[in-house]
Amino acid sequence: MLTIETLRAFGANLEEALPRCLNNEAFYLRLVRMGAMDKNFALLNEAMERNDRKAAFEAAHALKGVLSNLALTPLVRPVSEITELLRHQAEADYAPLLKEINEQHAALLALIRE
């Protein structure tokens, strides 16, 4: 079940995020649910499968903004890293970051579905 406590255990920085929502926990939880369902998770994976770094960058950059505002730290770090690599069209092995993003995203979705 998605609660402030489960998000804290997940690693969200609630001291940073809640003031952005005027300390309204219900509003923050609603935003987290919306963020977890963001279409850009799927778009990032699809673009990476096609090796379309431009589209992947756009999806990752959008996610970075959403996740950073929600202070979902376990997702912010790998999404920020992949965003910067894609911004510079770096020749890199993106697979480990994409795997971490997908695993953390799945963990967040599991909290919502419990």
PDB file of N, CA and C in Angstrom:
ATOM      1  N   MET A   1       0.833  -1.180   0.000  1.00  0.00           N
ATOM      2  CA  MET A   1       0.000   0.000   0.000  1.00  0.00           C
ATOM      3  C   MET A   1       0.878   1.243   0.000  1.00  0.00           C
ATOM      4  N   LEU A   2       0.521   2.180  -0.814  1.00  0.00           N
ATOM      5  CA  LEU A   2       1.306   3.402  -0.916  1.00  0.00           C
ATOM      6  C   LEU A   2       0.962   4.335   0.237  1.00  0.00           C
ATOM      7  N   THR A   3       1.952   4.559   1.078  1.00  0.00           N
ATOM      8  CA  THR A   3       1.808   5.480   2.199  1.00  0.00           C
ATOM      9  C   THR A   3       3.089   6.304   2.294  1.00  0.00           C
ATOM     10  N   ILE A   4       3.049   7.306   3.122  1.00  0.00           N
ATOM     11  CA  ILE A   4       4.258   8.094   3.365  1.00  0.00           C
ATOM     12  C   ILE A   4       5.356   7.191   3.923  1.00  0.00           C
ATOM     13  N   GLU A   5       4.985   6.278   4.793  1.00  0.00           N
ATOM     14  CA  GLU A   5       5.974   5.382   5.405  1.00  0.00           C
ATOM     15  C   GLU A   5       6.589   4.434   4.367  1.00  0.00           C
ATOM     16  N   THR A   6       5.761   3.882   3.465  1.00  0.00           N
ATOM     17  CA  THR A   6       6.322   2.972   2.459  1.00  0.00           C
ATOM     18  C   THR A   6       7.209   3.741   1.479  1.00  0.00           C
ATOM     19  N   LEU A   7       6.856   4.989   1.197  1.00  0.00           N
ATOM     20  CA  LEU A   7       7.711   5.791   0.315  1.00  0.00           C
ATOM     21  C   LEU A   7       9.028   6.148   1.002  1.00  0.00           C
ATOM     22  N   ARG A   8       8.963   6.404   2.288  1.00  0.00           N
ATOM     23  CA  ARG A   8      10.197   6.675   3.043  1.00  0.00           C
ATOM     24  C   ARG A   8      11.095   5.441   2.993  1.00  0.00           C
ATOM     25  N   ALA A   9      10.508   4.254   3.199  1.00  0.00           N
ATOM     26  CA  ALA A   9      11.280   3.006   3.137  1.00  0.00           C
ATOM     27  C   ALA A   9      11.819   2.763   1.729  1.00  0.00           C
ATOM     28  N   PHE A  10      11.081   3.168   0.721  1.00  0.00           N
ATOM     29  CA  PHE A  10      11.520   3.058  -0.679  1.00  0.00           C
ATOM     30  C   PHE A  10      12.747   3.933  -0.931  1.00  0.00           C
ATOM     31  N   GLY A  11      12.855   5.032  -0.186  1.00  0.00           N
ATOM     32  CA  GLY A  11      14.002   5.921  -0.336  1.00  0.00           C
ATOM     33  C   GLY A  11      13.652   7.314  -0.805  1.00  0.00           C
ATOM     34  N   ALA A  12      12.354   7.630  -0.845  1.00  0.00           N
ATOM     35  CA  ALA A  12      11.938   8.974  -1.245  1.00  0.00           C
ATOM     36  C   ALA A  12      12.410   9.985  -0.204  1.00  0.00           C
ATOM     37  N   ASN A  13      12.804  11.149  -0.664  1.00  0.00           N
ATOM     38  CA  ASN A  13      13.244  12.231   0.218  1.00  0.00           C
ATOM     39  C   ASN A  13      12.024  13.088   0.558  1.00  0.00           C
ATOM     40  N   LEU A  14      11.299  12.677   1.560  1.00  0.00           N
ATOM     41  CA  LEU A  14      10.041  13.338   1.909  1.00  0.00           C
ATOM     42  C   LEU A  14      10.249  14.730   2.485  1.00  0.00           C
ATOM     43  N   GLU A  15      11.389  14.949   3.113  1.00  0.00           N
ATOM     44  CA  GLU A  15      11.676  16.282   3.641  1.00  0.00           C
ATOM     45  C   GLU A  15      11.806  17.293   2.509  1.00  0.00           C
ATOM     46  N   GLU A  16      12.182  16.821   1.346  1.00  0.00           N
ATOM     47  CA  GLU A  16      12.292  17.678   0.159  1.00  0.00           C
ATOM     48  C   GLU A  16      10.958  17.759  -0.587  1.00  0.00           C
ATOM     49  N   ALA A  17      10.272  16.646  -0.689  1.00  0.00           N
ATOM     50  CA  ALA A  17       9.083  16.572  -1.538  1.00  0.00           C
ATOM     51  C   ALA A  17       7.827  17.157  -0.898  1.00  0.00           C
ATOM     52  N   LEU A  18       7.582  16.839   0.339  1.00  0.00           N
ATOM     53  CA  LEU A  18       6.323  17.263   0.961  1.00  0.00           C
ATOM     54  C   LEU A  18       6.132  18.778   0.996  1.00  0.00           C
ATOM     55  N   PRO A  19       7.158  19.568   1.297  1.00  0.00           N
ATOM     56  CA  PRO A  19       6.946  21.017   1.263  1.00  0.00           C
ATOM     57  C   PRO A  19       6.516  21.532  -0.115  1.00  0.00           C
ATOM     58  N   ARG A  20       6.923  20.852  -1.173  1.00  0.00           N
ATOM     59  CA  ARG A  20       6.488  21.238  -2.515  1.00  0.00           C
ATOM     60  C   ARG A  20       4.985  21.059  -2.678  1.00  0.00           C
ATOM     61  N   CYS A  21       4.413  20.204  -1.848  1.00  0.00           N
ATOM     62  CA  CYS A  21       2.970  19.928  -1.881  1.00  0.00           C
ATOM     63  C   CYS A  21       2.277  20.562  -0.681  1.00  0.00           C
ATOM     64  N   LEU A  22       2.890  21.587  -0.133  1.00  0.00           N
ATOM     65  CA  LEU A  22       2.360  22.287   1.044  1.00  0.00           C
ATOM     66  C   LEU A  22       2.081  21.321   2.189  1.00  0.00           C
ATOM     67  N   ASN A  23       2.934  20.286   2.284  1.00  0.00           N
ATOM     68  CA  ASN A  23       2.835  19.246   3.310  1.00  0.00           C
ATOM     69  C   ASN A  23       1.505  18.500   3.288  1.00  0.00           C
ATOM     70  N   ASN A  24       0.857  18.510   2.140  1.00  0.00           N
ATOM     71  CA  ASN A  24      -0.401  17.782   1.965  1.00  0.00           C
ATOM     72  C   ASN A  24      -0.051  16.367   1.498  1.00  0.00           C
ATOM     73  N   GLU A  25      -0.057  15.433   2.446  1.00  0.00           N
ATOM     74  CA  GLU A  25       0.358  14.063   2.153  1.00  0.00           C
ATOM     75  C   GLU A  25      -0.537  13.388   1.116  1.00  0.00           C
ATOM     76  N   ALA A  26      -1.829  13.601   1.197  1.00  0.00           N
ATOM     77  CA  ALA A  26      -2.753  12.971   0.233  1.00  0.00           C
ATOM     78  C   ALA A  26      -2.467  13.465  -1.181  1.00  0.00           C
ATOM     79  N   PHE A  27      -2.197  14.747  -1.322  1.00  0.00           N
ATOM     80  CA  PHE A  27      -1.876  15.319  -2.633  1.00  0.00           C
ATOM     81  C   PHE A  27      -0.567  14.733  -3.159  1.00  0.00           C
ATOM     82  N   TYR A  28       0.438  14.656  -2.287  1.00  0.00           N
ATOM     83  CA  TYR A  28       1.717  14.082  -2.683  1.00  0.00           C
ATOM     84  C   TYR A  28       1.549  12.629  -3.139  1.00  0.00           C
ATOM     85  N   LEU A  29       0.801  11.836  -2.384  1.00  0.00           N
ATOM     86  CA  LEU A  29       0.591  10.439  -2.758  1.00  0.00           C
ATOM     87  C   LEU A  29      -0.122  10.331  -4.104  1.00  0.00           C
ATOM     88  N   ARG A  30      -1.065  11.225  -4.349  1.00  0.00           N
ATOM     89  CA  ARG A  30      -1.750  11.233  -5.652  1.00  0.00           C
ATOM     90  C   ARG A  30      -0.760  11.546  -6.769  1.00  0.00           C
ATOM     91  N   LEU A  31       0.132  12.508  -6.535  1.00  0.00           N
ATOM     92  CA  LEU A  31       1.138  12.850  -7.539  1.00  0.00           C
ATOM     93  C   LEU A  31       2.109  11.693  -7.778  1.00  0.00           C
ATOM     94  N   VAL A  32       2.466  10.988  -6.724  1.00  0.00           N
ATOM     95  CA  VAL A  32       3.359   9.831  -6.875  1.00  0.00           C
ATOM     96  C   VAL A  32       2.692   8.763  -7.734  1.00  0.00           C
ATOM     97  N   ARG A  33       1.411   8.503  -7.478  1.00  0.00           N
ATOM     98  CA  ARG A  33       0.685   7.525  -8.301  1.00  0.00           C
ATOM     99  C   ARG A  33       0.695   7.947  -9.771  1.00  0.00           C
ATOM    100  N   MET A  34       0.443   9.224 -10.008  1.00  0.00           N
ATOM    101  CA  MET A  34       0.444   9.733 -11.389  1.00  0.00           C
ATOM    102  C   MET A  34       1.836   9.607 -11.996  1.00  0.00           C
ATOM    103  N   GLY A  35       2.859   9.955 -11.244  1.00  0.00           N
ATOM    104  CA  GLY A  35       4.234   9.873 -11.738  1.00  0.00           C
ATOM    105  C   GLY A  35       4.643   8.456 -12.065  1.00  0.00           C
ATOM    106  N   ALA A  36       4.202   7.514 -11.253  1.00  0.00           N
ATOM    107  CA  ALA A  36       4.548   6.113 -11.483  1.00  0.00           C
ATOM    108  C   ALA A  36       3.924   5.582 -12.766  1.00  0.00           C
ATOM    109  N   MET A  37       2.831   6.178 -13.181  1.00  0.00           N
ATOM    110  CA  MET A  37       2.137   5.748 -14.393  1.00  0.00           C
ATOM    111  C   MET A  37       2.561   6.553 -15.628  1.00  0.00           C
ATOM    112  N   ASP A  38       3.556   7.394 -15.473  1.00  0.00           N
ATOM    113  CA  ASP A  38       3.998   8.256 -16.577  1.00  0.00           C
ATOM    114  C   ASP A  38       4.350   7.425 -17.808  1.00  0.00           C
ATOM    115  N   LYS A  39       3.811   7.817 -18.951  1.00  0.00           N
ATOM    116  CA  LYS A  39       4.032   7.099 -20.210  1.00  0.00           C
ATOM    117  C   LYS A  39       5.486   7.110 -20.637  1.00  0.00           C
ATOM    118  N   ASN A  40       6.276   8.020 -20.098  1.00  0.00           N
ATOM    119  CA  ASN A  40       7.673   8.117 -20.510  1.00  0.00           C
ATOM    120  C   ASN A  40       8.530   6.937 -20.064  1.00  0.00           C
ATOM    121  N   PHE A  41       8.079   6.174 -19.069  1.00  0.00           N
ATOM    122  CA  PHE A  41       8.806   4.939 -18.731  1.00  0.00           C
ATOM    123  C   PHE A  41       8.773   3.989 -19.932  1.00  0.00           C
ATOM    124  N   ALA A  42       7.592   3.797 -20.497  1.00  0.00           N
ATOM    125  CA  ALA A  42       7.462   2.917 -21.667  1.00  0.00           C
ATOM    126  C   ALA A  42       8.165   3.510 -22.873  1.00  0.00           C
ATOM    127  N   LEU A  43       8.022   4.826 -23.071  1.00  0.00           N
ATOM    128  CA  LEU A  43       8.662   5.474 -24.222  1.00  0.00           C
ATOM    129  C   LEU A  43      10.180   5.360 -24.152  1.00  0.00           C
ATOM    130  N   LEU A  44      10.746   5.474 -22.956  1.00  0.00           N
ATOM    131  CA  LEU A  44      12.200   5.326 -22.799  1.00  0.00           C
ATOM    132  C   LEU A  44      12.631   3.927 -23.210  1.00  0.00           C
ATOM    133  N   ASN A  45      11.931   2.918 -22.724  1.00  0.00           N
ATOM    134  CA  ASN A  45      12.284   1.539 -23.071  1.00  0.00           C
ATOM    135  C   ASN A  45      12.135   1.274 -24.563  1.00  0.00           C
ATOM    136  N   GLU A  46      11.044   1.745 -25.138  1.00  0.00           N
ATOM    137  CA  GLU A  46      10.822   1.547 -26.572  1.00  0.00           C
ATOM    138  C   GLU A  46      11.892   2.236 -27.404  1.00  0.00           C
ATOM    139  N   ALA A  47      12.246   3.455 -27.032  1.00  0.00           N
ATOM    140  CA  ALA A  47      13.270   4.196 -27.777  1.00  0.00           C
ATOM    141  C   ALA A  47      14.632   3.520 -27.651  1.00  0.00           C
ATOM    142  N   MET A  48      14.938   3.011 -26.471  1.00  0.00           N
ATOM    143  CA  MET A  48      16.225   2.334 -26.295  1.00  0.00           C
ATOM    144  C   MET A  48      16.264   1.039 -27.107  1.00  0.00           C
ATOM    145  N   GLU A  49      15.141   0.340 -27.207  1.00  0.00           N
ATOM    146  CA  GLU A  49      15.091  -0.880 -28.023  1.00  0.00           C
ATOM    147  C   GLU A  49      15.359  -0.561 -29.489  1.00  0.00           C
ATOM    148  N   ARG A  50      14.889   0.613 -29.945  1.00  0.00           N
ATOM    149  CA  ARG A  50      15.100   1.039 -31.335  1.00  0.00           C
ATOM    150  C   ARG A  50      16.441   1.750 -31.528  1.00  0.00           C
ATOM    151  N   ASN A  51      17.171   1.942 -30.421  1.00  0.00           N
ATOM    152  CA  ASN A  51      18.418   2.705 -30.432  1.00  0.00           C
ATOM    153  C   ASN A  51      18.184   4.142 -30.925  1.00  0.00           C
ATOM    154  N   ASP A  52      17.034   4.685 -30.581  1.00  0.00           N
ATOM    155  CA  ASP A  52      16.674   6.059 -30.928  1.00  0.00           C
ATOM    156  C   ASP A  52      17.027   6.938 -29.734  1.00  0.00           C
ATOM    157  N   ARG A  53      18.255   7.413 -29.709  1.00  0.00           N
ATOM    158  CA  ARG A  53      18.739   8.165 -28.556  1.00  0.00           C
ATOM    159  C   ARG A  53      18.049   9.512 -28.394  1.00  0.00           C
ATOM    160  N   LYS A  54      17.607  10.103 -29.489  1.00  0.00           N
ATOM    161  CA  LYS A  54      16.900  11.383 -29.379  1.00  0.00           C
ATOM    162  C   LYS A  54      15.578  11.200 -28.645  1.00  0.00           C
ATOM    163  N   ALA A  55      14.798  10.216 -29.059  1.00  0.00           N
ATOM    164  CA  ALA A  55      13.521   9.937 -28.398  1.00  0.00           C
ATOM    165  C   ALA A  55      13.747   9.457 -26.964  1.00  0.00           C
ATOM    166  N   ALA A  56      14.793   8.670 -26.746  1.00  0.00           N
ATOM    167  CA  ALA A  56      15.110   8.197 -25.400  1.00  0.00           C
ATOM    168  C   ALA A  56      15.471   9.367 -24.498  1.00  0.00           C
ATOM    169  N   PHE A  57      16.239  10.310 -25.033  1.00  0.00           N
ATOM    170  CA  PHE A  57      16.588  11.502 -24.245  1.00  0.00           C
ATOM    171  C   PHE A  57      15.340  12.275 -23.852  1.00  0.00           C
ATOM    172  N   GLU A  58      14.440  12.472 -24.794  1.00  0.00           N
ATOM    173  CA  GLU A  58      13.221  13.230 -24.497  1.00  0.00           C
ATOM    174  C   GLU A  58      12.411  12.562 -23.392  1.00  0.00           C
ATOM    175  N   ALA A  59      12.280  11.248 -23.453  1.00  0.00           N
ATOM    176  CA  ALA A  59      11.539  10.520 -22.427  1.00  0.00           C
ATOM    177  C   ALA A  59      12.261  10.585 -21.083  1.00  0.00           C
ATOM    178  N   ALA A  60      13.562  10.357 -21.099  1.00  0.00           N
ATOM    179  CA  ALA A  60      14.340  10.380 -19.853  1.00  0.00           C
ATOM    180  C   ALA A  60      14.326  11.772 -19.228  1.00  0.00           C
ATOM    181  N   HIS A  61      14.447  12.790 -20.045  1.00  0.00           N
ATOM    182  CA  HIS A  61      14.459  14.160 -19.536  1.00  0.00           C
ATOM    183  C   HIS A  61      13.125  14.510 -18.884  1.00  0.00           C
ATOM    184  N   ALA A  62      12.035  14.087 -19.495  1.00  0.00           N
ATOM    185  CA  ALA A  62      10.710  14.323 -18.913  1.00  0.00           C
ATOM    186  C   ALA A  62      10.577  13.585 -17.577  1.00  0.00           C
ATOM    187  N   LEU A  63      11.031  12.342 -17.534  1.00  0.00           N
ATOM    188  CA  LEU A  63      10.977  11.578 -16.290  1.00  0.00           C
ATOM    189  C   LEU A  63      11.822  12.217 -15.201  1.00  0.00           C
ATOM    190  N   LYS A  64      12.981  12.705 -15.595  1.00  0.00           N
ATOM    191  CA  LYS A  64      13.877  13.341 -14.621  1.00  0.00           C
ATOM    192  C   LYS A  64      13.167  14.485 -13.909  1.00  0.00           C
ATOM    193  N   GLY A  65      12.429  15.294 -14.650  1.00  0.00           N
ATOM    194  CA  GLY A  65      11.704  16.403 -14.038  1.00  0.00           C
ATOM    195  C   GLY A  65      10.634  15.932 -13.081  1.00  0.00           C
ATOM    196  N   VAL A  66       9.831  14.981 -13.516  1.00  0.00           N
ATOM    197  CA  VAL A  66       8.743  14.465 -12.680  1.00  0.00           C
ATOM    198  C   VAL A  66       9.294  13.823 -11.412  1.00  0.00           C
ATOM    199  N   LEU A  67      10.249  12.928 -11.581  1.00  0.00           N
ATOM    200  CA  LEU A  67      10.781  12.175 -10.446  1.00  0.00           C
ATOM    201  C   LEU A  67      11.563  13.053  -9.486  1.00  0.00           C
ATOM    202  N   SER A  68      12.253  14.050 -10.014  1.00  0.00           N
ATOM    203  CA  SER A  68      12.994  14.975  -9.154  1.00  0.00           C
ATOM    204  C   SER A  68      12.039  15.797  -8.306  1.00  0.00           C
ATOM    205  N   ASN A  69      10.972  16.282  -8.908  1.00  0.00           N
ATOM    206  CA  ASN A  69       9.998  17.065  -8.143  1.00  0.00           C
ATOM    207  C   ASN A  69       9.341  16.228  -7.054  1.00  0.00           C
ATOM    208  N   LEU A  70       9.173  14.944  -7.305  1.00  0.00           N
ATOM    209  CA  LEU A  70       8.592  14.050  -6.309  1.00  0.00           C
ATOM    210  C   LEU A  70       9.637  13.507  -5.337  1.00  0.00           C
ATOM    211  N   ALA A  71      10.903  13.813  -5.610  1.00  0.00           N
ATOM    212  CA  ALA A  71      12.037  13.381  -4.775  1.00  0.00           C
ATOM    213  C   ALA A  71      12.052  11.863  -4.586  1.00  0.00           C
ATOM    214  N   LEU A  72      11.783  11.142  -5.669  1.00  0.00           N
ATOM    215  CA  LEU A  72      11.828   9.678  -5.646  1.00  0.00           C
ATOM    216  C   LEU A  72      13.264   9.242  -5.950  1.00  0.00           C
ATOM    217  N   THR A  73      14.110   9.416  -4.976  1.00  0.00           N
ATOM    218  CA  THR A  73      15.557   9.263  -5.086  1.00  0.00           C
ATOM    219  C   THR A  73      16.020   7.978  -5.765  1.00  0.00           C
ATOM    220  N   PRO A  74      15.443   6.816  -5.453  1.00  0.00           N
ATOM    221  CA  PRO A  74      15.919   5.596  -6.108  1.00  0.00           C
ATOM    222  C   PRO A  74      15.742   5.609  -7.631  1.00  0.00           C
ATOM    223  N   LEU A  75      14.835   6.428  -8.124  1.00  0.00           N
ATOM    224  CA  LEU A  75      14.639   6.560  -9.571  1.00  0.00           C
ATOM    225  C   LEU A  75      15.355   7.789 -10.122  1.00  0.00           C
ATOM    226  N   VAL A  76      15.467   8.825  -9.323  1.00  0.00           N
ATOM    227  CA  VAL A  76      16.082  10.074  -9.796  1.00  0.00           C
ATOM    228  C   VAL A  76      17.519   9.841 -10.237  1.00  0.00           C
ATOM    229  N   ARG A  77      18.291   9.102  -9.432  1.00  0.00           N
ATOM    230  CA  ARG A  77      19.710   8.921  -9.745  1.00  0.00           C
ATOM    231  C   ARG A  77      19.934   8.232 -11.092  1.00  0.00           C
ATOM    232  N   PRO A  78      19.357   7.049 -11.330  1.00  0.00           N
ATOM    233  CA  PRO A  78      19.633   6.416 -12.625  1.00  0.00           C
ATOM    234  C   PRO A  78      19.007   7.168 -13.798  1.00  0.00           C
ATOM    235  N   VAL A  79      17.842   7.771 -13.595  1.00  0.00           N
ATOM    236  CA  VAL A  79      17.223   8.535 -14.683  1.00  0.00           C
ATOM    237  C   VAL A  79      18.070   9.763 -15.008  1.00  0.00           C
ATOM    238  N   SER A  80      18.609  10.412 -13.985  1.00  0.00           N
ATOM    239  CA  SER A  80      19.488  11.571 -14.229  1.00  0.00           C
ATOM    240  C   SER A  80      20.745  11.153 -14.985  1.00  0.00           C
ATOM    241  N   GLU A  81      21.312  10.029 -14.590  1.00  0.00           N
ATOM    242  CA  GLU A  81      22.528   9.544 -15.259  1.00  0.00           C
ATOM    243  C   GLU A  81      22.267   9.216 -16.723  1.00  0.00           C
ATOM    244  N   ILE A  82      21.193   8.497 -16.999  1.00  0.00           N
ATOM    245  CA  ILE A  82      20.910   8.128 -18.389  1.00  0.00           C
ATOM    246  C   ILE A  82      20.557   9.368 -19.214  1.00  0.00           C
ATOM    247  N   THR A  83      19.884  10.327 -18.586  1.00  0.00           N
ATOM    248  CA  THR A  83      19.540  11.565 -19.281  1.00  0.00           C
ATOM    249  C   THR A  83      20.799  12.277 -19.755  1.00  0.00           C
ATOM    250  N   GLU A  84      21.784  12.389 -18.882  1.00  0.00           N
ATOM    251  CA  GLU A  84      23.012  13.101 -19.255  1.00  0.00           C
ATOM    252  C   GLU A  84      23.800  12.346 -20.321  1.00  0.00           C
ATOM    253  N   LEU A  85      23.843  11.035 -20.230  1.00  0.00           N
ATOM    254  CA  LEU A  85      24.523  10.253 -21.276  1.00  0.00           C
ATOM    255  C   LEU A  85      23.825  10.448 -22.622  1.00  0.00           C
ATOM    256  N   LEU A  86      22.503  10.407 -22.595  1.00  0.00           N
ATOM    257  CA  LEU A  86      21.748  10.573 -23.840  1.00  0.00           C
ATOM    258  C   LEU A  86      21.841  12.000 -24.375  1.00  0.00           C
ATOM    259  N   ARG A  87      21.894  12.969 -23.473  1.00  0.00           N
ATOM    260  CA  ARG A  87      22.022  14.372 -23.902  1.00  0.00           C
ATOM    261  C   ARG A  87      23.269  14.553 -24.773  1.00  0.00           C
ATOM    262  N   HIS A  88      24.337  13.848 -24.394  1.00  0.00           N
ATOM    263  CA  HIS A  88      25.611  13.975 -25.115  1.00  0.00           C
ATOM    264  C   HIS A  88      25.807  12.875 -26.146  1.00  0.00           C
ATOM    265  N   GLN A  89      24.744  12.086 -26.370  1.00  0.00           N
ATOM    266  CA  GLN A  89      24.809  10.994 -27.348  1.00  0.00           C
ATOM    267  C   GLN A  89      26.026  10.103 -27.107  1.00  0.00           C
ATOM    268  N   ALA A  90      26.311   9.865 -25.835  1.00  0.00           N
ATOM    269  CA  ALA A  90      27.500   9.107 -25.450  1.00  0.00           C
ATOM    270  C   ALA A  90      27.411   7.660 -25.923  1.00  0.00           C
ATOM    271  N   GLU A  91      28.542   7.167 -26.379  1.00  0.00           N
ATOM    272  CA  GLU A  91      28.658   5.744 -26.676  1.00  0.00           C
ATOM    273  C   GLU A  91      28.875   5.061 -25.329  1.00  0.00           C
ATOM    274  N   ALA A  92      27.862   4.400 -24.849  1.00  0.00           N
ATOM    275  CA  ALA A  92      27.929   3.799 -23.516  1.00  0.00           C
ATOM    276  C   ALA A  92      27.040   2.567 -23.481  1.00  0.00           C
ATOM    277  N   ASP A  93      27.254   1.774 -22.466  1.00  0.00           N
ATOM    278  CA  ASP A  93      26.376   0.631 -22.218  1.00  0.00           C
ATOM    279  C   ASP A  93      25.232   1.137 -21.342  1.00  0.00           C
ATOM    280  N   TYR A  94      24.110   1.387 -21.958  1.00  0.00           N
ATOM    281  CA  TYR A  94      22.947   1.934 -21.265  1.00  0.00           C
ATOM    282  C   TYR A  94      22.170   0.859 -20.507  1.00  0.00           C
ATOM    283  N   ALA A  95      22.443  -0.393 -20.809  1.00  0.00           N
ATOM    284  CA  ALA A  95      21.659  -1.501 -20.258  1.00  0.00           C
ATOM    285  C   ALA A  95      21.614  -1.521 -18.725  1.00  0.00           C
ATOM    286  N   PRO A  96      22.731  -1.326 -18.021  1.00  0.00           N
ATOM    287  CA  PRO A  96      22.650  -1.369 -16.559  1.00  0.00           C
ATOM    288  C   PRO A  96      21.763  -0.257 -15.969  1.00  0.00           C
ATOM    289  N   LEU A  97      21.844   0.929 -16.536  1.00  0.00           N
ATOM    290  CA  LEU A  97      20.994   2.016 -16.034  1.00  0.00           C
ATOM    291  C   LEU A  97      19.531   1.754 -16.350  1.00  0.00           C
ATOM    292  N   LEU A  98      19.265   1.288 -17.550  1.00  0.00           N
ATOM    293  CA  LEU A  98      17.888   0.989 -17.932  1.00  0.00           C
ATOM    294  C   LEU A  98      17.316  -0.124 -17.044  1.00  0.00           C
ATOM    295  N   LYS A  99      18.143  -1.114 -16.733  1.00  0.00           N
ATOM    296  CA  LYS A  99      17.722  -2.203 -15.849  1.00  0.00           C
ATOM    297  C   LYS A  99      17.393  -1.652 -14.465  1.00  0.00           C
ATOM    298  N   GLU A 100      18.239  -0.782 -13.942  1.00  0.00           N
ATOM    299  CA  GLU A 100      18.000  -0.207 -12.619  1.00  0.00           C
ATOM    300  C   GLU A 100      16.722   0.641 -12.609  1.00  0.00           C
ATOM    301  N   ILE A 101      16.534   1.422 -13.664  1.00  0.00           N
ATOM    302  CA  ILE A 101      15.312   2.233 -13.768  1.00  0.00           C
ATOM    303  C   ILE A 101      14.084   1.327 -13.752  1.00  0.00           C
ATOM    304  N   ASN A 102      14.116   0.281 -14.551  1.00  0.00           N
ATOM    305  CA  ASN A 102      12.970  -0.628 -14.632  1.00  0.00           C
ATOM    306  C   ASN A 102      12.722  -1.361 -13.313  1.00  0.00           C
ATOM    307  N   GLU A 103      13.791  -1.745 -12.631  1.00  0.00           N
ATOM    308  CA  GLU A 103      13.635  -2.423 -11.343  1.00  0.00           C
ATOM    309  C   GLU A 103      13.045  -1.482 -10.294  1.00  0.00           C
ATOM    310  N   GLN A 104      13.552  -0.253 -10.234  1.00  0.00           N
ATOM    311  CA  GLN A 104      13.040   0.714  -9.254  1.00  0.00           C
ATOM    312  C   GLN A 104      11.602   1.110  -9.593  1.00  0.00           C
ATOM    313  N   HIS A 105      11.313   1.228 -10.872  1.00  0.00           N
ATOM    314  CA  HIS A 105       9.959   1.546 -11.293  1.00  0.00           C
ATOM    315  C   HIS A 105       9.007   0.412 -10.890  1.00  0.00           C
ATOM    316  N   ALA A 106       9.433  -0.815 -11.094  1.00  0.00           N
ATOM    317  CA  ALA A 106       8.619  -1.971 -10.698  1.00  0.00           C
ATOM    318  C   ALA A 106       8.396  -1.984  -9.187  1.00  0.00           C
ATOM    319  N   ALA A 107       9.417  -1.638  -8.422  1.00  0.00           N
ATOM    320  CA  ALA A 107       9.269  -1.583  -6.968  1.00  0.00           C
ATOM    321  C   ALA A 107       8.273  -0.520  -6.549  1.00  0.00           C
ATOM    322  N   LEU A 108       8.305   0.624  -7.215  1.00  0.00           N
ATOM    323  CA  LEU A 108       7.340   1.686  -6.919  1.00  0.00           C
ATOM    324  C   LEU A 108       5.922   1.254  -7.290  1.00  0.00           C
ATOM    325  N   LEU A 109       5.780   0.633  -8.448  1.00  0.00           N
ATOM    326  CA  LEU A 109       4.457   0.140  -8.867  1.00  0.00           C
ATOM    327  C   LEU A 109       3.931  -0.912  -7.888  1.00  0.00           C
ATOM    328  N   ALA A 110       4.818  -1.738  -7.355  1.00  0.00           N
ATOM    329  CA  ALA A 110       4.409  -2.761  -6.386  1.00  0.00           C
ATOM    330  C   ALA A 110       3.838  -2.105  -5.127  1.00  0.00           C
ATOM    331  N   LEU A 111       4.427  -0.990  -4.695  1.00  0.00           N
ATOM    332  CA  LEU A 111       3.896  -0.276  -3.538  1.00  0.00           C
ATOM    333  C   LEU A 111       2.485   0.218  -3.800  1.00  0.00           C
ATOM    334  N   ILE A 112       2.261   0.666  -5.010  1.00  0.00           N
ATOM    335  CA  ILE A 112       0.950   1.217  -5.367  1.00  0.00           C
ATOM    336  C   ILE A 112      -0.094   0.112  -5.443  1.00  0.00           C
ATOM    337  N   ARG A 113       0.297  -1.047  -5.940  1.00  0.00           N
ATOM    338  CA  ARG A 113      -0.644  -2.138  -6.181  1.00  0.00           C
ATOM    339  C   ARG A 113      -0.933  -2.979  -4.938  1.00  0.00           C
ATOM    340  N   GLU A 114      -0.104  -2.847  -3.908  1.00  0.00           N
ATOM    341  CA  GLU A 114      -0.299  -3.671  -2.703  1.00  0.00           C
ATOM    342  C   GLU A 114      -1.606  -3.352  -2.021  1.00  0.00           C
TER     343      GLU A 114
END
